[in-house]
Amino acid sequence: MRVIVFFDLPTISLEDKREYRNFRKFLLKKGFAMMQESVYSKLALNTTVANGVVSSVKEHKPKDGLVQMLVITEKQYSKMEYIIGKKGSTIIDSDQRTVIL
């Protein structure tokens, strides 16, 4: 399962910017990966874990702005279409990190 968080937070005042940074840092610390600006996703093993992630995000929500979450299956996530651009990945799937002893 995937938990996807969409957010649009105000960044007018210094306090707004601080809340934006803190929320973004929270998502990264919890293992979310940025899909695009203000859209983050996290892999969850099952529905129970996904519900825990959702409740954790609800506990750390900023006081202003818009935060939305969507829980989908891996099969649904794999059907995502890229209209323009390419799939970005930070996962290295080569033997560059192989250590030979």
N, C-alpha and C. Protein backbone atom coordinates (compact mmCIF):
# COMPACT_ATOMS: atom_id res chain seq x y z
N MET A 1 0.84 -1.17 0.00
CA MET A 1 0.00 0.00 0.00
C MET A 1 0.88 1.23 0.00
N ARG A 2 0.36 2.29 -0.49
CA ARG A 2 1.05 3.58 -0.50
C ARG A 2 0.19 4.62 0.18
N VAL A 3 0.83 5.46 0.98
CA VAL A 3 0.16 6.62 1.56
C VAL A 3 0.74 7.83 0.85
N ILE A 4 -0.11 8.59 0.19
CA ILE A 4 0.33 9.77 -0.54
C ILE A 4 -0.21 11.00 0.17
N VAL A 5 0.67 11.95 0.45
CA VAL A 5 0.30 13.19 1.14
C VAL A 5 0.46 14.34 0.15
N PHE A 6 -0.60 15.10 -0.01
CA PHE A 6 -0.60 16.30 -0.84
C PHE A 6 -0.77 17.48 0.10
N PHE A 7 0.04 18.51 -0.06
CA PHE A 7 -0.17 19.66 0.82
C PHE A 7 0.12 20.97 0.11
N ASP A 8 -0.60 21.97 0.56
CA ASP A 8 -0.43 23.34 0.07
C ASP A 8 -0.48 24.22 1.30
N LEU A 9 0.68 24.67 1.74
CA LEU A 9 0.77 25.43 2.98
C LEU A 9 1.16 26.87 2.69
N PRO A 10 0.65 27.81 3.48
CA PRO A 10 1.02 29.21 3.27
C PRO A 10 2.48 29.44 3.65
N THR A 11 3.13 30.34 2.93
CA THR A 11 4.53 30.68 3.21
C THR A 11 4.71 32.19 3.19
N ILE A 12 3.76 32.89 3.78
CA ILE A 12 3.80 34.36 3.77
C ILE A 12 4.65 34.89 4.92
N SER A 13 4.31 34.49 6.13
CA SER A 13 5.05 34.99 7.29
C SER A 13 6.20 34.03 7.65
N LEU A 14 7.07 34.47 8.54
CA LEU A 14 8.17 33.63 8.99
C LEU A 14 7.65 32.40 9.74
N GLU A 15 6.58 32.58 10.50
CA GLU A 15 5.99 31.44 11.22
C GLU A 15 5.42 30.42 10.24
N ASP A 16 4.78 30.90 9.15
CA ASP A 16 4.26 29.99 8.12
C ASP A 16 5.40 29.19 7.49
N LYS A 17 6.50 29.86 7.17
CA LYS A 17 7.65 29.19 6.57
C LYS A 17 8.24 28.15 7.51
N ARG A 18 8.28 28.47 8.81
CA ARG A 18 8.81 27.54 9.79
C ARG A 18 7.92 26.30 9.87
N GLU A 19 6.60 26.50 9.88
CA GLU A 19 5.68 25.36 9.91
C GLU A 19 5.80 24.50 8.66
N TYR A 20 5.99 25.14 7.50
CA TYR A 20 6.19 24.41 6.25
C TYR A 20 7.44 23.54 6.35
N ARG A 21 8.54 24.13 6.79
CA ARG A 21 9.80 23.38 6.92
C ARG A 21 9.66 22.23 7.91
N ASN A 22 9.02 22.50 9.05
CA ASN A 22 8.86 21.46 10.06
C ASN A 22 8.00 20.30 9.56
N PHE A 23 6.93 20.61 8.84
CA PHE A 23 6.06 19.55 8.30
C PHE A 23 6.81 18.74 7.26
N ARG A 24 7.54 19.40 6.39
CA ARG A 24 8.31 18.70 5.36
C ARG A 24 9.38 17.82 6.01
N LYS A 25 10.09 18.34 7.02
CA LYS A 25 11.10 17.55 7.72
C LYS A 25 10.47 16.35 8.42
N PHE A 26 9.28 16.53 8.98
CA PHE A 26 8.57 15.43 9.63
C PHE A 26 8.29 14.32 8.61
N LEU A 27 7.80 14.70 7.43
CA LEU A 27 7.50 13.70 6.41
C LEU A 27 8.77 12.94 6.01
N LEU A 28 9.86 13.65 5.80
CA LEU A 28 11.11 13.00 5.42
C LEU A 28 11.62 12.08 6.53
N LYS A 29 11.49 12.53 7.78
CA LYS A 29 11.94 11.72 8.91
C LYS A 29 11.12 10.44 9.04
N LYS A 30 9.85 10.50 8.69
CA LYS A 30 8.97 9.34 8.76
C LYS A 30 9.11 8.41 7.55
N GLY A 31 9.99 8.74 6.61
CA GLY A 31 10.25 7.85 5.49
C GLY A 31 9.49 8.16 4.22
N PHE A 32 8.88 9.32 4.13
CA PHE A 32 8.19 9.71 2.90
C PHE A 32 9.22 10.14 1.87
N ALA A 33 8.93 9.87 0.61
CA ALA A 33 9.79 10.29 -0.49
C ALA A 33 9.03 11.30 -1.35
N MET A 34 9.73 12.32 -1.80
CA MET A 34 9.08 13.36 -2.60
C MET A 34 8.82 12.84 -4.01
N MET A 35 7.57 12.90 -4.43
CA MET A 35 7.21 12.54 -5.80
C MET A 35 7.32 13.76 -6.70
N GLN A 36 6.84 14.86 -6.22
CA GLN A 36 7.02 16.16 -6.84
C GLN A 36 6.77 17.19 -5.76
N GLU A 37 6.92 18.45 -6.07
CA GLU A 37 6.81 19.47 -5.04
C GLU A 37 5.47 19.39 -4.32
N SER A 38 5.51 19.28 -3.02
CA SER A 38 4.33 19.19 -2.15
C SER A 38 3.53 17.91 -2.31
N VAL A 39 4.12 16.87 -2.88
CA VAL A 39 3.49 15.55 -2.98
C VAL A 39 4.52 14.52 -2.52
N TYR A 40 4.20 13.83 -1.43
CA TYR A 40 5.12 12.85 -0.85
C TYR A 40 4.41 11.51 -0.71
N SER A 41 5.15 10.41 -0.85
CA SER A 41 4.54 9.09 -0.71
C SER A 41 5.41 8.21 0.18
N LYS A 42 4.75 7.24 0.79
CA LYS A 42 5.43 6.29 1.67
C LYS A 42 4.82 4.92 1.45
N LEU A 43 5.68 3.93 1.42
CA LEU A 43 5.25 2.55 1.27
C LEU A 43 4.83 2.02 2.63
N ALA A 44 3.69 1.33 2.68
CA ALA A 44 3.20 0.70 3.91
C ALA A 44 2.94 -0.77 3.61
N LEU A 45 3.31 -1.64 4.53
CA LEU A 45 3.19 -3.08 4.29
C LEU A 45 1.75 -3.57 4.24
N ASN A 46 0.89 -2.98 5.05
CA ASN A 46 -0.51 -3.42 5.08
C ASN A 46 -1.40 -2.27 5.54
N THR A 47 -2.69 -2.55 5.66
CA THR A 47 -3.65 -1.50 6.02
C THR A 47 -3.41 -0.97 7.43
N THR A 48 -3.01 -1.84 8.35
CA THR A 48 -2.76 -1.42 9.72
C THR A 48 -1.62 -0.41 9.78
N VAL A 49 -0.54 -0.69 9.07
CA VAL A 49 0.60 0.23 9.02
C VAL A 49 0.19 1.53 8.34
N ALA A 50 -0.57 1.44 7.26
CA ALA A 50 -1.03 2.64 6.55
C ALA A 50 -1.89 3.51 7.46
N ASN A 51 -2.77 2.88 8.25
CA ASN A 51 -3.60 3.65 9.18
C ASN A 51 -2.74 4.32 10.25
N GLY A 52 -1.68 3.66 10.70
CA GLY A 52 -0.76 4.27 11.66
C GLY A 52 -0.05 5.47 11.07
N VAL A 53 0.36 5.36 9.81
CA VAL A 53 1.02 6.48 9.13
C VAL A 53 0.05 7.65 9.00
N VAL A 54 -1.18 7.36 8.62
CA VAL A 54 -2.20 8.41 8.47
C VAL A 54 -2.44 9.13 9.80
N SER A 55 -2.57 8.37 10.88
CA SER A 55 -2.81 9.00 12.18
C SER A 55 -1.59 9.80 12.64
N SER A 56 -0.38 9.35 12.32
CA SER A 56 0.82 10.10 12.67
C SER A 56 0.88 11.44 11.94
N VAL A 57 0.51 11.43 10.66
CA VAL A 57 0.49 12.69 9.90
C VAL A 57 -0.58 13.62 10.46
N LYS A 58 -1.72 13.06 10.84
CA LYS A 58 -2.80 13.89 11.42
C LYS A 58 -2.34 14.54 12.72
N GLU A 59 -1.54 13.84 13.52
CA GLU A 59 -1.04 14.40 14.78
C GLU A 59 -0.06 15.55 14.56
N HIS A 60 0.67 15.52 13.45
CA HIS A 60 1.71 16.52 13.18
C HIS A 60 1.31 17.52 12.09
N LYS A 61 0.01 17.65 11.87
CA LYS A 61 -0.44 18.56 10.80
C LYS A 61 -0.17 20.01 11.18
N PRO A 62 0.09 20.85 10.19
CA PRO A 62 0.25 22.28 10.47
C PRO A 62 -1.10 22.90 10.80
N LYS A 63 -1.07 24.08 11.42
CA LYS A 63 -2.35 24.68 11.84
C LYS A 63 -3.11 25.32 10.68
N ASP A 64 -2.42 25.75 9.63
CA ASP A 64 -3.08 26.37 8.46
C ASP A 64 -2.71 25.63 7.20
N GLY A 65 -3.45 25.88 6.14
CA GLY A 65 -3.14 25.29 4.85
C GLY A 65 -4.06 24.12 4.53
N LEU A 66 -3.67 23.39 3.51
CA LEU A 66 -4.44 22.25 3.03
C LEU A 66 -3.53 21.03 3.00
N VAL A 67 -3.92 19.97 3.69
CA VAL A 67 -3.19 18.71 3.68
C VAL A 67 -4.18 17.60 3.37
N GLN A 68 -3.89 16.82 2.33
CA GLN A 68 -4.76 15.73 1.92
C GLN A 68 -3.95 14.44 1.87
N MET A 69 -4.60 13.31 2.17
CA MET A 69 -3.93 12.02 2.12
C MET A 69 -4.77 11.04 1.31
N LEU A 70 -4.07 10.14 0.64
CA LEU A 70 -4.72 9.12 -0.17
C LEU A 70 -3.98 7.81 0.07
N VAL A 71 -4.71 6.75 0.39
CA VAL A 71 -4.11 5.43 0.58
C VAL A 71 -4.54 4.57 -0.60
N ILE A 72 -3.56 4.04 -1.33
CA ILE A 72 -3.85 3.21 -2.50
C ILE A 72 -2.99 1.95 -2.45
N THR A 73 -3.38 0.96 -3.23
CA THR A 73 -2.62 -0.28 -3.29
C THR A 73 -1.43 -0.12 -4.25
N GLU A 74 -0.50 -1.04 -4.15
CA GLU A 74 0.65 -1.01 -5.06
C GLU A 74 0.22 -1.22 -6.51
N LYS A 75 -0.80 -2.04 -6.71
CA LYS A 75 -1.29 -2.27 -8.07
C LYS A 75 -1.85 -0.98 -8.67
N GLN A 76 -2.60 -0.21 -7.86
CA GLN A 76 -3.11 1.07 -8.33
C GLN A 76 -1.96 2.04 -8.58
N TYR A 77 -0.99 2.06 -7.68
CA TYR A 77 0.15 2.97 -7.82
C TYR A 77 0.96 2.65 -9.08
N SER A 78 1.10 1.36 -9.40
CA SER A 78 1.90 0.97 -10.57
C SER A 78 1.24 1.36 -11.88
N LYS A 79 -0.06 1.66 -11.84
CA LYS A 79 -0.78 2.06 -13.06
C LYS A 79 -0.70 3.56 -13.33
N MET A 80 0.11 4.27 -12.53
CA MET A 80 0.26 5.71 -12.73
C MET A 80 0.87 5.97 -14.10
N GLU A 81 0.30 6.91 -14.82
CA GLU A 81 0.79 7.25 -16.15
C GLU A 81 1.60 8.54 -16.08
N TYR A 82 2.70 8.55 -16.79
CA TYR A 82 3.52 9.75 -16.90
C TYR A 82 3.18 10.41 -18.23
N ILE A 83 2.55 11.56 -18.16
CA ILE A 83 2.13 12.28 -19.36
C ILE A 83 3.31 13.00 -19.98
N ILE A 84 4.11 13.64 -19.14
CA ILE A 84 5.29 14.34 -19.61
C ILE A 84 6.37 14.16 -18.55
N GLY A 85 7.60 14.05 -18.96
CA GLY A 85 8.68 13.82 -18.02
C GLY A 85 8.94 12.33 -17.85
N LYS A 86 9.92 12.03 -17.02
CA LYS A 86 10.31 10.65 -16.79
C LYS A 86 10.21 10.32 -15.32
N LYS A 87 10.09 9.04 -15.05
CA LYS A 87 10.03 8.58 -13.67
C LYS A 87 11.38 8.83 -13.01
N GLY A 88 11.35 9.52 -11.90
CA GLY A 88 12.58 9.79 -11.16
C GLY A 88 12.75 8.77 -10.06
N SER A 89 13.98 8.32 -9.87
CA SER A 89 14.24 7.34 -8.83
C SER A 89 15.62 7.58 -8.25
N THR A 90 15.71 7.53 -6.95
CA THR A 90 17.01 7.67 -6.29
C THR A 90 17.56 6.31 -5.89
N ILE A 91 16.89 5.24 -6.29
CA ILE A 91 17.33 3.90 -5.96
C ILE A 91 18.35 3.45 -6.99
N ILE A 92 19.48 3.01 -6.50
CA ILE A 92 20.52 2.51 -7.39
C ILE A 92 20.30 1.03 -7.57
N ASP A 93 20.02 0.61 -8.80
CA ASP A 93 19.77 -0.81 -9.06
C ASP A 93 20.85 -1.38 -9.98
N SER A 94 22.08 -1.07 -9.64
CA SER A 94 23.21 -1.61 -10.39
C SER A 94 24.21 -2.19 -9.40
N ASP A 95 25.32 -2.68 -9.93
CA ASP A 95 26.32 -3.27 -9.06
C ASP A 95 27.41 -2.28 -8.66
N GLN A 96 27.12 -0.98 -8.70
CA GLN A 96 28.10 0.04 -8.33
C GLN A 96 28.48 -0.05 -6.86
N ARG A 97 27.58 -0.56 -6.02
CA ARG A 97 27.85 -0.62 -4.59
C ARG A 97 28.32 -2.01 -4.16
N THR A 98 28.64 -2.87 -5.09
CA THR A 98 29.08 -4.22 -4.76
C THR A 98 30.49 -4.18 -4.19
N VAL A 99 30.66 -4.85 -3.06
CA VAL A 99 31.98 -4.95 -2.44
C VAL A 99 32.48 -6.37 -2.62
N ILE A 100 33.65 -6.50 -3.25
CA ILE A 100 34.24 -7.83 -3.46
C ILE A 100 35.35 -8.02 -2.45
N LEU A 101 35.25 -9.08 -1.65
CA LEU A 101 36.25 -9.35 -0.62
C LEU A 101 37.25 -10.37 -1.07
